[in-house]
PDB file of N, CA and C in Angstrom:
ATOM      1  N   MET A   1     312.507 199.796 251.216  1.00  0.00           N
ATOM      2  CA  MET A   1     311.104 199.769 250.898  1.00  0.00           C
ATOM      3  C   MET A   1     310.877 199.584 249.404  1.00  0.00           C
ATOM      4  N   LYS A   2     311.700 200.206 248.565  1.00  0.00           N
ATOM      5  CA  LYS A   2     311.542 200.064 247.132  1.00  0.00           C
ATOM      6  C   LYS A   2     311.777 198.632 246.681  1.00  0.00           C
ATOM      7  N   LEU A   3     312.672 197.920 247.320  1.00  0.00           N
ATOM      8  CA  LEU A   3     312.957 196.535 246.968  1.00  0.00           C
ATOM      9  C   LEU A   3     311.729 195.656 247.160  1.00  0.00           C
ATOM     10  N   ILE A   4     310.961 195.895 248.194  1.00  0.00           N
ATOM     11  CA  ILE A   4     309.757 195.119 248.474  1.00  0.00           C
ATOM     12  C   ILE A   4     308.750 195.287 247.338  1.00  0.00           C
ATOM     13  N   HIS A   5     308.615 196.491 246.834  1.00  0.00           N
ATOM     14  CA  HIS A   5     307.687 196.748 245.735  1.00  0.00           C
ATOM     15  C   HIS A   5     308.194 196.183 244.418  1.00  0.00           C
ATOM     16  N   ALA A   6     309.491 196.075 244.272  1.00  0.00           N
ATOM     17  CA  ALA A   6     310.068 195.569 243.039  1.00  0.00           C
ATOM     18  C   ALA A   6     309.945 194.055 242.913  1.00  0.00           C
ATOM     19  N   LEU A   7     309.859 193.341 244.036  1.00  0.00           N
ATOM     20  CA  LEU A   7     309.795 191.885 243.984  1.00  0.00           C
ATOM     21  C   LEU A   7     308.555 191.357 243.270  1.00  0.00           C
ATOM     22  N   PRO A   8     307.357 191.846 243.560  1.00  0.00           N
ATOM     23  CA  PRO A   8     306.193 191.346 242.803  1.00  0.00           C
ATOM     24  C   PRO A   8     306.311 191.615 241.301  1.00  0.00           C
ATOM     25  N   ALA A   9     306.842 192.759 240.947  1.00  0.00           N
ATOM     26  CA  ALA A   9     307.008 193.087 239.521  1.00  0.00           C
ATOM     27  C   ALA A   9     308.010 192.136 238.870  1.00  0.00           C
ATOM     28  N   ALA A  10     309.098 191.837 239.565  1.00  0.00           N
ATOM     29  CA  ALA A  10     310.097 190.914 239.020  1.00  0.00           C
ATOM     30  C   ALA A  10     309.515 189.514 238.866  1.00  0.00           C
ATOM     31  N   ALA A  11     308.732 189.085 239.853  1.00  0.00           N
ATOM     32  CA  ALA A  11     308.104 187.762 239.776  1.00  0.00           C
ATOM     33  C   ALA A  11     307.123 187.706 238.608  1.00  0.00           C
ATOM     34  N   ALA A  12     306.347 188.759 238.425  1.00  0.00           N
ATOM     35  CA  ALA A  12     305.404 188.802 237.313  1.00  0.00           C
ATOM     36  C   ALA A  12     306.134 188.766 235.973  1.00  0.00           C
ATOM     37  N   LEU A  13     307.218 189.493 235.872  1.00  0.00           N
ATOM     38  CA  LEU A  13     308.012 189.501 234.633  1.00  0.00           C
ATOM     39  C   LEU A  13     308.593 188.111 234.353  1.00  0.00           C
ATOM     40  N   ALA A  14     309.065 187.438 235.373  1.00  0.00           N
ATOM     41  CA  ALA A  14     309.603 186.091 235.187  1.00  0.00           C
ATOM     42  C   ALA A  14     308.504 185.137 234.727  1.00  0.00           C
ATOM     43  N   PHE A  15     307.303 185.273 235.288  1.00  0.00           N
ATOM     44  CA  PHE A  15     306.181 184.425 234.877  1.00  0.00           C
ATOM     45  C   PHE A  15     305.811 184.687 233.427  1.00  0.00           C
ATOM     46  N   ILE A  16     305.725 185.953 233.029  1.00  0.00           N
ATOM     47  CA  ILE A  16     305.379 186.300 231.655  1.00  0.00           C
ATOM     48  C   ILE A  16     306.427 185.763 230.692  1.00  0.00           C
ATOM     49  N   SER A  17     307.700 185.873 231.038  1.00  0.00           N
ATOM     50  CA  SER A  17     308.759 185.370 230.171  1.00  0.00           C
ATOM     51  C   SER A  17     308.662 183.865 230.004  1.00  0.00           C
ATOM     52  N   THR A  18     308.371 183.147 231.088  1.00  0.00           N
ATOM     53  CA  THR A  18     308.222 181.710 231.020  1.00  0.00           C
ATOM     54  C   THR A  18     307.013 181.333 230.183  1.00  0.00           C
ATOM     55  N   ALA A  19     305.902 182.038 230.344  1.00  0.00           N
ATOM     56  CA  ALA A  19     304.694 181.752 229.565  1.00  0.00           C
ATOM     57  C   ALA A  19     304.937 182.001 228.091  1.00  0.00           C
ATOM     58  N   ALA A  20     305.689 183.040 227.773  1.00  0.00           N
ATOM     59  CA  ALA A  20     305.970 183.341 226.360  1.00  0.00           C
ATOM     60  C   ALA A  20     306.807 182.221 225.739  1.00  0.00           C
ATOM     61  N   LEU A  21     307.752 181.682 226.495  1.00  0.00           N
ATOM     62  CA  LEU A  21     308.570 180.591 225.962  1.00  0.00           C
ATOM     63  C   LEU A  21     307.740 179.334 225.751  1.00  0.00           C
ATOM     64  N   ALA A  22     306.777 179.102 226.620  1.00  0.00           N
ATOM     65  CA  ALA A  22     305.936 177.907 226.517  1.00  0.00           C
ATOM     66  C   ALA A  22     305.053 177.937 225.287  1.00  0.00           C
ATOM     67  N   ALA A  23     304.841 179.100 224.705  1.00  0.00           N
ATOM     68  CA  ALA A  23     303.950 179.240 223.556  1.00  0.00           C
ATOM     69  C   ALA A  23     304.537 178.688 222.262  1.00  0.00           C
ATOM     70  N   GLY A  24     305.790 178.376 222.234  1.00  0.00           N
ATOM     71  CA  GLY A  24     306.396 177.825 221.020  1.00  0.00           C
ATOM     72  C   GLY A  24     307.253 178.816 220.274  1.00  0.00           C
ATOM     73  N   ASP A  25     308.072 178.298 219.410  1.00  0.00           N
ATOM     74  CA  ASP A  25     309.044 179.066 218.641  1.00  0.00           C
ATOM     75  C   ASP A  25     308.673 178.974 217.153  1.00  0.00           C
ATOM     76  N   PRO A  26     308.209 180.098 216.557  1.00  0.00           N
ATOM     77  CA  PRO A  26     307.814 180.058 215.153  1.00  0.00           C
ATOM     78  C   PRO A  26     308.929 179.611 214.206  1.00  0.00           C
ATOM     79  N   ALA A  27     310.159 179.989 214.466  1.00  0.00           N
ATOM     80  CA  ALA A  27     311.274 179.586 213.587  1.00  0.00           C
ATOM     81  C   ALA A  27     311.476 178.066 213.648  1.00  0.00           C
ATOM     82  N   ALA A  28     311.417 177.497 214.840  1.00  0.00           N
ATOM     83  CA  ALA A  28     311.510 176.044 214.967  1.00  0.00           C
ATOM     84  C   ALA A  28     310.279 175.392 214.334  1.00  0.00           C
ATOM     85  N   GLY A  29     309.134 176.034 214.483  1.00  0.00           N
ATOM     86  CA  GLY A  29     307.900 175.517 213.899  1.00  0.00           C
ATOM     87  C   GLY A  29     307.927 175.497 212.388  1.00  0.00           C
ATOM     88  N   GLU A  30     308.612 176.457 211.792  1.00  0.00           N
ATOM     89  CA  GLU A  30     308.733 176.467 210.336  1.00  0.00           C
ATOM     90  C   GLU A  30     309.472 175.208 209.858  1.00  0.00           C
ATOM     91  N   LYS A  31     310.451 174.774 210.626  1.00  0.00           N
ATOM     92  CA  LYS A  31     311.185 173.553 210.279  1.00  0.00           C
ATOM     93  C   LYS A  31     310.287 172.322 210.444  1.00  0.00           C
ATOM     94  N   VAL A  32     309.507 172.288 211.517  1.00  0.00           N
ATOM     95  CA  VAL A  32     308.576 171.168 211.746  1.00  0.00           C
ATOM     96  C   VAL A  32     307.527 171.145 210.629  1.00  0.00           C
ATOM     97  N   PHE A  33     307.118 172.333 210.178  1.00  0.00           N
ATOM     98  CA  PHE A  33     306.094 172.438 209.131  1.00  0.00           C
ATOM     99  C   PHE A  33     306.523 171.781 207.817  1.00  0.00           C
ATOM    100  N   MET A  34     307.794 171.527 207.651  1.00  0.00           N
ATOM    101  CA  MET A  34     308.257 170.843 206.443  1.00  0.00           C
ATOM    102  C   MET A  34     307.546 169.491 206.292  1.00  0.00           C
ATOM    103  N   LYS A  35     307.189 168.863 207.430  1.00  0.00           N
ATOM    104  CA  LYS A  35     306.438 167.595 207.387  1.00  0.00           C
ATOM    105  C   LYS A  35     305.018 167.804 206.867  1.00  0.00           C
ATOM    106  N   CYS A  36     304.498 169.006 206.995  1.00  0.00           N
ATOM    107  CA  CYS A  36     303.129 169.327 206.613  1.00  0.00           C
ATOM    108  C   CYS A  36     303.022 169.806 205.166  1.00  0.00           C
ATOM    109  N   LYS A  37     304.132 170.300 204.622  1.00  0.00           N
ATOM    110  CA  LYS A  37     304.134 170.924 203.299  1.00  0.00           C
ATOM    111  C   LYS A  37     303.751 169.990 202.154  1.00  0.00           C
ATOM    112  N   ALA A  38     303.861 168.701 202.362  1.00  0.00           N
ATOM    113  CA  ALA A  38     303.478 167.771 201.301  1.00  0.00           C
ATOM    114  C   ALA A  38     301.990 167.896 201.006  1.00  0.00           C
ATOM    115  N   CYS A  39     301.218 168.320 201.994  1.00  0.00           N
ATOM    116  CA  CYS A  39     299.757 168.385 201.826  1.00  0.00           C
ATOM    117  C   CYS A  39     299.165 169.786 202.025  1.00  0.00           C
ATOM    118  N   HIS A  40     299.806 170.615 202.824  1.00  0.00           N
ATOM    119  CA  HIS A  40     299.241 171.918 203.197  1.00  0.00           C
ATOM    120  C   HIS A  40     300.128 173.073 202.733  1.00  0.00           C
ATOM    121  N   GLN A  41     299.487 174.157 202.299  1.00  0.00           N
ATOM    122  CA  GLN A  41     300.186 175.392 201.959  1.00  0.00           C
ATOM    123  C   GLN A  41     299.822 176.465 202.980  1.00  0.00           C
ATOM    124  N   ILE A  42     300.731 177.417 203.163  1.00  0.00           N
ATOM    125  CA  ILE A  42     300.510 178.542 204.066  1.00  0.00           C
ATOM    126  C   ILE A  42     301.325 179.721 203.547  1.00  0.00           C
ATOM    127  N   GLY A  43     300.860 180.912 203.808  1.00  0.00           N
ATOM    128  CA  GLY A  43     301.567 182.115 203.381  1.00  0.00           C
ATOM    129  C   GLY A  43     300.931 182.727 202.135  1.00  0.00           C
ATOM    130  N   ALA A  44     301.587 183.750 201.597  1.00  0.00           N
ATOM    131  CA  ALA A  44     301.078 184.441 200.413  1.00  0.00           C
ATOM    132  C   ALA A  44     300.862 183.458 199.273  1.00  0.00           C
ATOM    133  N   GLY A  45     299.710 183.508 198.662  1.00  0.00           N
ATOM    134  CA  GLY A  45     299.406 182.665 197.513  1.00  0.00           C
ATOM    135  C   GLY A  45     299.028 181.226 197.848  1.00  0.00           C
ATOM    136  N   ALA A  46     298.886 180.896 199.123  1.00  0.00           N
ATOM    137  CA  ALA A  46     298.547 179.510 199.510  1.00  0.00           C
ATOM    138  C   ALA A  46     297.180 179.125 198.961  1.00  0.00           C
ATOM    139  N   LYS A  47     297.103 177.875 198.540  1.00  0.00           N
ATOM    140  CA  LYS A  47     295.866 177.325 197.987  1.00  0.00           C
ATOM    141  C   LYS A  47     295.607 175.951 198.632  1.00  0.00           C
ATOM    142  N   ASN A  48     294.374 175.498 198.504  1.00  0.00           N
ATOM    143  CA  ASN A  48     294.070 174.137 198.931  1.00  0.00           C
ATOM    144  C   ASN A  48     294.833 173.174 198.027  1.00  0.00           C
ATOM    145  N   ALA A  49     295.315 172.111 198.625  1.00  0.00           N
ATOM    146  CA  ALA A  49     296.047 171.080 197.879  1.00  0.00           C
ATOM    147  C   ALA A  49     295.473 169.734 198.332  1.00  0.00           C
ATOM    148  N   VAL A  50     296.318 168.787 198.655  1.00  0.00           N
ATOM    149  CA  VAL A  50     295.843 167.530 199.223  1.00  0.00           C
ATOM    150  C   VAL A  50     295.073 167.821 200.513  1.00  0.00           C
ATOM    151  N   GLY A  51     295.585 168.786 201.287  1.00  0.00           N
ATOM    152  CA  GLY A  51     294.924 169.283 202.495  1.00  0.00           C
ATOM    153  C   GLY A  51     294.560 170.749 202.298  1.00  0.00           C
ATOM    154  N   PRO A  52     293.739 171.289 203.185  1.00  0.00           N
ATOM    155  CA  PRO A  52     293.349 172.705 203.047  1.00  0.00           C
ATOM    156  C   PRO A  52     294.505 173.655 203.328  1.00  0.00           C
ATOM    157  N   GLU A  53     294.445 174.854 202.751  1.00  0.00           N
ATOM    158  CA  GLU A  53     295.437 175.876 203.076  1.00  0.00           C
ATOM    159  C   GLU A  53     295.215 176.279 204.526  1.00  0.00           C
ATOM    160  N   LEU A  54     296.274 176.738 205.184  1.00  0.00           N
ATOM    161  CA  LEU A  54     296.217 176.966 206.630  1.00  0.00           C
ATOM    162  C   LEU A  54     296.299 178.435 207.031  1.00  0.00           C
ATOM    163  N   ASN A  55     296.188 179.356 206.095  1.00  0.00           N
ATOM    164  CA  ASN A  55     296.189 180.771 206.457  1.00  0.00           C
ATOM    165  C   ASN A  55     294.974 181.081 207.325  1.00  0.00           C
ATOM    166  N   GLY A  56     295.191 181.890 208.361  1.00  0.00           N
ATOM    167  CA  GLY A  56     294.088 182.303 209.231  1.00  0.00           C
ATOM    168  C   GLY A  56     293.481 181.151 210.017  1.00  0.00           C
ATOM    169  N   LEU A  57     294.254 180.124 210.280  1.00  0.00           N
ATOM    170  CA  LEU A  57     293.711 178.951 210.976  1.00  0.00           C
ATOM    171  C   LEU A  57     293.245 179.280 212.392  1.00  0.00           C
ATOM    172  N   ASN A  58     293.979 180.129 213.097  1.00  0.00           N
ATOM    173  CA  ASN A  58     293.628 180.469 214.475  1.00  0.00           C
ATOM    174  C   ASN A  58     292.255 181.146 214.511  1.00  0.00           C
ATOM    175  N   GLY A  59     291.281 180.490 215.128  1.00  0.00           N
ATOM    176  CA  GLY A  59     289.928 181.019 215.225  1.00  0.00           C
ATOM    177  C   GLY A  59     288.974 180.521 214.148  1.00  0.00           C
ATOM    178  N   ARG A  60     289.482 179.845 213.146  1.00  0.00           N
ATOM    179  CA  ARG A  60     288.649 179.343 212.049  1.00  0.00           C
ATOM    180  C   ARG A  60     287.939 178.068 212.503  1.00  0.00           C
ATOM    181  N   ALA A  61     286.689 177.916 212.119  1.00  0.00           N
ATOM    182  CA  ALA A  61     285.947 176.703 212.441  1.00  0.00           C
ATOM    183  C   ALA A  61     286.567 175.522 211.699  1.00  0.00           C
ATOM    184  N   ALA A  62     286.680 174.388 212.385  1.00  0.00           N
ATOM    185  CA  ALA A  62     287.204 173.179 211.753  1.00  0.00           C
ATOM    186  C   ALA A  62     286.305 172.807 210.579  1.00  0.00           C
ATOM    187  N   GLY A  63     286.928 172.406 209.481  1.00  0.00           N
ATOM    188  CA  GLY A  63     286.188 171.974 208.309  1.00  0.00           C
ATOM    189  C   GLY A  63     285.560 173.094 207.505  1.00  0.00           C
ATOM    190  N   SER A  64     286.156 174.287 207.547  1.00  0.00           N
ATOM    191  CA  SER A  64     285.507 175.426 206.895  1.00  0.00           C
ATOM    192  C   SER A  64     286.345 176.202 205.886  1.00  0.00           C
ATOM    193  N   ALA A  65     287.513 175.739 205.491  1.00  0.00           N
ATOM    194  CA  ALA A  65     288.296 176.478 204.489  1.00  0.00           C
ATOM    195  C   ALA A  65     287.533 176.436 203.164  1.00  0.00           C
ATOM    196  N   ALA A  66     287.328 177.594 202.592  1.00  0.00           N
ATOM    197  CA  ALA A  66     286.552 177.698 201.354  1.00  0.00           C
ATOM    198  C   ALA A  66     287.167 176.851 200.252  1.00  0.00           C
ATOM    199  N   GLY A  67     286.330 176.103 199.566  1.00  0.00           N
ATOM    200  CA  GLY A  67     286.763 175.352 198.402  1.00  0.00           C
ATOM    201  C   GLY A  67     287.430 174.027 198.678  1.00  0.00           C
ATOM    202  N   TYR A  68     287.570 173.633 199.945  1.00  0.00           N
ATOM    203  CA  TYR A  68     288.206 172.348 200.248  1.00  0.00           C
ATOM    204  C   TYR A  68     287.125 171.301 200.546  1.00  0.00           C
ATOM    205  N   ASN A  69     287.312 170.103 200.030  1.00  0.00           N
ATOM    206  CA  ASN A  69     286.362 169.007 200.200  1.00  0.00           C
ATOM    207  C   ASN A  69     286.714 168.209 201.472  1.00  0.00           C
ATOM    208  N   TYR A  70     286.133 168.602 202.599  1.00  0.00           N
ATOM    209  CA  TYR A  70     286.388 167.950 203.879  1.00  0.00           C
ATOM    210  C   TYR A  70     285.578 166.671 204.031  1.00  0.00           C
ATOM    211  N   SER A  71     286.062 165.816 204.906  1.00  0.00           N
ATOM    212  CA  SER A  71     285.287 164.636 205.320  1.00  0.00           C
ATOM    213  C   SER A  71     284.099 165.115 206.145  1.00  0.00           C
ATOM    214  N   ALA A  72     283.076 164.290 206.216  1.00  0.00           N
ATOM    215  CA  ALA A  72     281.910 164.604 207.055  1.00  0.00           C
ATOM    216  C   ALA A  72     282.342 164.765 208.505  1.00  0.00           C
ATOM    217  N   ALA A  73     283.304 163.945 208.947  1.00  0.00           N
ATOM    218  CA  ALA A  73     283.786 164.026 210.321  1.00  0.00           C
ATOM    219  C   ALA A  73     284.382 165.397 210.630  1.00  0.00           C
ATOM    220  N   MET A  74     285.199 165.928 209.726  1.00  0.00           N
ATOM    221  CA  MET A  74     285.811 167.232 209.985  1.00  0.00           C
ATOM    222  C   MET A  74     284.788 168.351 209.887  1.00  0.00           C
ATOM    223  N   LYS A  75     283.847 168.248 208.944  1.00  0.00           N
ATOM    224  CA  LYS A  75     282.785 169.262 208.838  1.00  0.00           C
ATOM    225  C   LYS A  75     281.966 169.316 210.121  1.00  0.00           C
ATOM    226  N   GLY A  76     281.779 168.170 210.754  1.00  0.00           N
ATOM    227  CA  GLY A  76     280.973 168.106 211.961  1.00  0.00           C
ATOM    228  C   GLY A  76     281.774 168.101 213.244  1.00  0.00           C
ATOM    229  N   ALA A  77     283.055 168.463 213.195  1.00  0.00           N
ATOM    230  CA  ALA A  77     283.924 168.396 214.359  1.00  0.00           C
ATOM    231  C   ALA A  77     283.433 169.289 215.511  1.00  0.00           C
ATOM    232  N   GLY A  78     282.826 170.414 215.182  1.00  0.00           N
ATOM    233  CA  GLY A  78     282.235 171.261 216.211  1.00  0.00           C
ATOM    234  C   GLY A  78     283.188 172.080 217.054  1.00  0.00           C
ATOM    235  N   PHE A  79     284.352 172.391 216.548  1.00  0.00           N
ATOM    236  CA  PHE A  79     285.266 173.264 217.282  1.00  0.00           C
ATOM    237  C   PHE A  79     285.938 174.226 216.325  1.00  0.00           C
ATOM    238  N   SER A  80     286.509 175.263 216.903  1.00  0.00           N
ATOM    239  CA  SER A  80     287.333 176.207 216.143  1.00  0.00           C
ATOM    240  C   SER A  80     288.789 175.955 216.503  1.00  0.00           C
ATOM    241  N   TRP A  81     289.649 176.239 215.549  1.00  0.00           N
ATOM    242  CA  TRP A  81     291.071 176.015 215.778  1.00  0.00           C
ATOM    243  C   TRP A  81     291.637 177.046 216.735  1.00  0.00           C
ATOM    244  N   ASP A  82     292.295 176.571 217.755  1.00  0.00           N
ATOM    245  CA  ASP A  82     293.083 177.379 218.673  1.00  0.00           C
ATOM    246  C   ASP A  82     294.255 176.495 219.085  1.00  0.00           C
ATOM    247  N   GLU A  83     295.099 176.996 219.952  1.00  0.00           N
ATOM    248  CA  GLU A  83     296.298 176.231 220.291  1.00  0.00           C
ATOM    249  C   GLU A  83     295.944 174.866 220.890  1.00  0.00           C
ATOM    250  N   LYS A  84     294.992 174.816 221.812  1.00  0.00           N
ATOM    251  CA  LYS A  84     294.644 173.545 222.439  1.00  0.00           C
ATOM    252  C   LYS A  84     294.061 172.558 221.448  1.00  0.00           C
ATOM    253  N   ASN A  85     293.078 172.989 220.659  1.00  0.00           N
ATOM    254  CA  ASN A  85     292.475 172.068 219.686  1.00  0.00           C
ATOM    255  C   ASN A  85     293.482 171.609 218.643  1.00  0.00           C
ATOM    256  N   PHE A  86     294.333 172.513 218.190  1.00  0.00           N
ATOM    257  CA  PHE A  86     295.340 172.143 217.203  1.00  0.00           C
ATOM    258  C   PHE A  86     296.331 171.141 217.775  1.00  0.00           C
ATOM    259  N   THR A  87     296.864 171.425 218.978  1.00  0.00           N
ATOM    260  CA  THR A  87     297.866 170.532 219.531  1.00  0.00           C
ATOM    261  C   THR A  87     297.265 169.164 219.880  1.00  0.00           C
ATOM    262  N   ASP A  88     296.021 169.146 220.334  1.00  0.00           N
ATOM    263  CA  ASP A  88     295.335 167.859 220.567  1.00  0.00           C
ATOM    264  C   ASP A  88     295.185 167.108 219.238  1.00  0.00           C
ATOM    265  N   TYR A  89     294.772 167.822 218.209  1.00  0.00           N
ATOM    266  CA  TYR A  89     294.548 167.199 216.900  1.00  0.00           C
ATOM    267  C   TYR A  89     295.834 166.671 216.292  1.00  0.00           C
ATOM    268  N   ILE A  90     296.866 167.516 216.276  1.00  0.00           N
ATOM    269  CA  ILE A  90     298.091 167.131 215.579  1.00  0.00           C
ATOM    270  C   ILE A  90     298.883 166.063 216.343  1.00  0.00           C
ATOM    271  N   ALA A  91     298.563 165.864 217.614  1.00  0.00           N
ATOM    272  CA  ALA A  91     299.175 164.767 218.365  1.00  0.00           C
ATOM    273  C   ALA A  91     298.671 163.433 217.839  1.00  0.00           C
ATOM    274  N   ASN A  92     297.385 163.371 217.473  1.00  0.00           N
ATOM    275  CA  ASN A  92     296.777 162.139 216.964  1.00  0.00           C
ATOM    276  C   ASN A  92     295.487 162.513 216.240  1.00  0.00           C
ATOM    277  N   PRO A  93     295.577 162.868 214.954  1.00  0.00           N
ATOM    278  CA  PRO A  93     294.406 163.339 214.203  1.00  0.00           C
ATOM    279  C   PRO A  93     293.214 162.387 214.224  1.00  0.00           C
ATOM    280  N   LYS A  94     293.460 161.106 214.162  1.00  0.00           N
ATOM    281  CA  LYS A  94     292.360 160.137 214.135  1.00  0.00           C
ATOM    282  C   LYS A  94     291.653 160.035 215.486  1.00  0.00           C
ATOM    283  N   ALA A  95     292.348 160.304 216.576  1.00  0.00           N
ATOM    284  CA  ALA A  95     291.724 160.273 217.901  1.00  0.00           C
ATOM    285  C   ALA A  95     290.893 161.529 218.140  1.00  0.00           C
ATOM    286  N   LYS A  96     291.390 162.687 217.737  1.00  0.00           N
ATOM    287  CA  LYS A  96     290.679 163.956 217.966  1.00  0.00           C
ATOM    288  C   LYS A  96     289.428 164.029 217.089  1.00  0.00           C
ATOM    289  N   VAL A  97     289.540 163.637 215.818  1.00  0.00           N
ATOM    290  CA  VAL A  97     288.407 163.675 214.889  1.00  0.00           C
ATOM    291  C   VAL A  97     288.321 162.319 214.183  1.00  0.00           C
ATOM    292  N   PRO A  98     287.704 161.344 214.846  1.00  0.00           N
ATOM    293  CA  PRO A  98     287.573 160.032 214.204  1.00  0.00           C
ATOM    294  C   PRO A  98     286.839 160.147 212.883  1.00  0.00           C
ATOM    295  N   GLY A  99     287.384 159.488 211.864  1.00  0.00           N
ATOM    296  CA  GLY A  99     286.769 159.503 210.536  1.00  0.00           C
ATOM    297  C   GLY A  99     287.280 160.606 209.628  1.00  0.00           C
ATOM    298  N   ASN A 100     288.210 161.443 210.119  1.00  0.00           N
ATOM    299  CA  ASN A 100     288.777 162.465 209.217  1.00  0.00           C
ATOM    300  C   ASN A 100     289.679 161.762 208.217  1.00  0.00           C
ATOM    301  N   LYS A 101     289.940 162.445 207.104  1.00  0.00           N
ATOM    302  CA  LYS A 101     290.700 161.790 206.030  1.00  0.00           C
ATOM    303  C   LYS A 101     292.191 162.122 206.010  1.00  0.00           C
ATOM    304  N   MET A 102     292.677 162.825 207.023  1.00  0.00           N
ATOM    305  CA  MET A 102     294.102 163.165 207.048  1.00  0.00           C
ATOM    306  C   MET A 102     294.929 161.919 207.379  1.00  0.00           C
ATOM    307  N   PRO A 103     295.831 161.507 206.480  1.00  0.00           N
ATOM    308  CA  PRO A 103     296.585 160.269 206.697  1.00  0.00           C
ATOM    309  C   PRO A 103     297.855 160.445 207.530  1.00  0.00           C
ATOM    310  N   PHE A 104     297.945 161.484 208.313  1.00  0.00           N
ATOM    311  CA  PHE A 104     299.138 161.783 209.100  1.00  0.00           C
ATOM    312  C   PHE A 104     299.014 161.146 210.482  1.00  0.00           C
ATOM    313  N   ALA A 105     300.042 160.449 210.931  1.00  0.00           N
ATOM    314  CA  ALA A 105     299.993 159.751 212.224  1.00  0.00           C
ATOM    315  C   ALA A 105     300.032 160.711 213.411  1.00  0.00           C
ATOM    316  N   GLY A 106     300.606 161.891 213.241  1.00  0.00           N
ATOM    317  CA  GLY A 106     300.668 162.855 214.328  1.00  0.00           C
ATOM    318  C   GLY A 106     302.081 163.220 214.701  1.00  0.00           C
ATOM    319  N   LEU A 107     302.200 164.279 215.500  1.00  0.00           N
ATOM    320  CA  LEU A 107     303.488 164.725 216.030  1.00  0.00           C
ATOM    321  C   LEU A 107     303.552 164.324 217.496  1.00  0.00           C
ATOM    322  N   PRO A 108     304.426 163.386 217.860  1.00  0.00           N
ATOM    323  CA  PRO A 108     304.462 162.927 219.248  1.00  0.00           C
ATOM    324  C   PRO A 108     305.092 163.889 220.244  1.00  0.00           C
ATOM    325  N   ALA A 109     305.970 164.780 219.799  1.00  0.00           N
ATOM    326  CA  ALA A 109     306.699 165.667 220.720  1.00  0.00           C
ATOM    327  C   ALA A 109     305.911 166.942 221.029  1.00  0.00           C
ATOM    328  N   ASP A 110     305.738 167.214 222.317  1.00  0.00           N
ATOM    329  CA  ASP A 110     305.055 168.436 222.753  1.00  0.00           C
ATOM    330  C   ASP A 110     305.687 169.689 222.144  1.00  0.00           C
ATOM    331  N   ALA A 111     307.006 169.744 222.138  1.00  0.00           N
ATOM    332  CA  ALA A 111     307.698 170.923 221.609  1.00  0.00           C
ATOM    333  C   ALA A 111     307.401 171.109 220.137  1.00  0.00           C
ATOM    334  N   ASP A 112     307.386 170.039 219.359  1.00  0.00           N
ATOM    335  CA  ASP A 112     307.086 170.156 217.932  1.00  0.00           C
ATOM    336  C   ASP A 112     305.664 170.695 217.726  1.00  0.00           C
ATOM    337  N   ARG A 113     304.720 170.208 218.504  1.00  0.00           N
ATOM    338  CA  ARG A 113     303.334 170.679 218.369  1.00  0.00           C
ATOM    339  C   ARG A 113     303.229 172.148 218.731  1.00  0.00           C
ATOM    340  N   ALA A 114     303.866 172.569 219.809  1.00  0.00           N
ATOM    341  CA  ALA A 114     303.836 173.970 220.218  1.00  0.00           C
ATOM    342  C   ALA A 114     304.522 174.859 219.180  1.00  0.00           C
ATOM    343  N   ASN A 115     305.628 174.392 218.654  1.00  0.00           N
ATOM    344  CA  ASN A 115     306.382 175.195 217.689  1.00  0.00           C
ATOM    345  C   ASN A 115     305.647 175.333 216.360  1.00  0.00           C
ATOM    346  N   VAL A 116     305.055 174.243 215.865  1.00  0.00           N
ATOM    347  CA  VAL A 116     304.349 174.342 214.590  1.00  0.00           C
ATOM    348  C   VAL A 116     303.099 175.208 214.754  1.00  0.00           C
ATOM    349  N   TRP A 117     302.444 175.147 215.914  1.00  0.00           N
ATOM    350  CA  TRP A 117     301.304 176.052 216.137  1.00  0.00           C
ATOM    351  C   TRP A 117     301.771 177.508 216.142  1.00  0.00           C
ATOM    352  N   ALA A 118     302.898 177.796 216.799  1.00  0.00           N
ATOM    353  CA  ALA A 118     303.421 179.165 216.827  1.00  0.00           C
ATOM    354  C   ALA A 118     303.699 179.649 215.405  1.00  0.00           C
ATOM    355  N   TYR A 119     304.189 178.768 214.546  1.00  0.00           N
ATOM    356  CA  TYR A 119     304.451 179.129 213.156  1.00  0.00           C
ATOM    357  C   TYR A 119     303.143 179.385 212.400  1.00  0.00           C
ATOM    358  N   ILE A 120     302.213 178.462 212.474  1.00  0.00           N
ATOM    359  CA  ILE A 120     300.945 178.569 211.731  1.00  0.00           C
ATOM    360  C   ILE A 120     300.116 179.766 212.224  1.00  0.00           C
ATOM    361  N   ALA A 121     300.071 179.965 213.538  1.00  0.00           N
ATOM    362  CA  ALA A 121     299.209 180.996 214.119  1.00  0.00           C
ATOM    363  C   ALA A 121     299.618 182.417 213.740  1.00  0.00           C
ATOM    364  N   GLN A 122     300.819 182.606 213.253  1.00  0.00           N
ATOM    365  CA  GLN A 122     301.247 183.954 212.886  1.00  0.00           C
ATOM    366  C   GLN A 122     300.695 184.399 211.523  1.00  0.00           C
ATOM    367  N   PHE A 123     300.106 183.497 210.756  1.00  0.00           N
ATOM    368  CA  PHE A 123     299.597 183.837 209.433  1.00  0.00           C
ATOM    369  C   PHE A 123     298.134 184.256 209.498  1.00  0.00           C
ATOM    370  N   LYS A 124     297.848 185.421 208.930  1.00  0.00           N
ATOM    371  CA  LYS A 124     296.476 185.917 208.822  1.00  0.00           C
ATOM    372  C   LYS A 124     295.790 185.256 207.629  1.00  0.00           C
ATOM    373  N   ALA A 125     294.500 185.455 207.513  1.00  0.00           N
ATOM    374  CA  ALA A 125     293.709 184.834 206.440  1.00  0.00           C
ATOM    375  C   ALA A 125     294.256 185.195 205.043  1.00  0.00           C
ATOM    376  N   ASP A 126     294.834 186.370 204.884  1.00  0.00           N
ATOM    377  CA  ASP A 126     295.361 186.777 203.581  1.00  0.00           C
ATOM    378  C   ASP A 126     296.784 186.259 203.306  1.00  0.00           C
ATOM    379  N   GLY A 127     297.338 185.490 204.246  1.00  0.00           N
ATOM    380  CA  GLY A 127     298.668 184.938 204.078  1.00  0.00           C
ATOM    381  C   GLY A 127     299.792 185.790 204.604  1.00  0.00           C
ATOM    382  N   SER A 128     299.478 186.991 205.086  1.00  0.00           N
ATOM    383  CA  SER A 128     300.508 187.842 205.667  1.00  0.00           C
ATOM    384  C   SER A 128     300.730 187.452 207.126  1.00  0.00           C
ATOM    385  N   LYS A 129     301.868 187.887 207.645  1.00  0.00           N
ATOM    386  CA  LYS A 129     302.178 187.635 209.069  1.00  0.00           C
ATOM    387  C   LYS A 129     301.784 188.840 209.889  1.00  0.00           C
TER     388      LYS A 129
END
């Protein structure tokens, strides 16, 4: 009888473990972020550069980093950054927000997009993890 009750719990645990893996790997994302570092800063002391600083990106309205001069397209994008919006955007920035000024072609690999989001999403607005 105990085995019957344990099966749903084991199935739920397996599902949670799979979902956690699908969320991306921050360590792998840090390596992918090397492609972003030419324009974006993140972490303690990050500042706007060619692109806006990315601290606290999760939940932030698109086009709203203080002190950064965004394109009209990004200011009017009408969404907040979350995993879906970020991964859609970074796959093809010009398709997600036509008229934005980011000259990056995008990350074609699903895993790279998930991993870089996992890396970026761990940073709070103050640059701490």
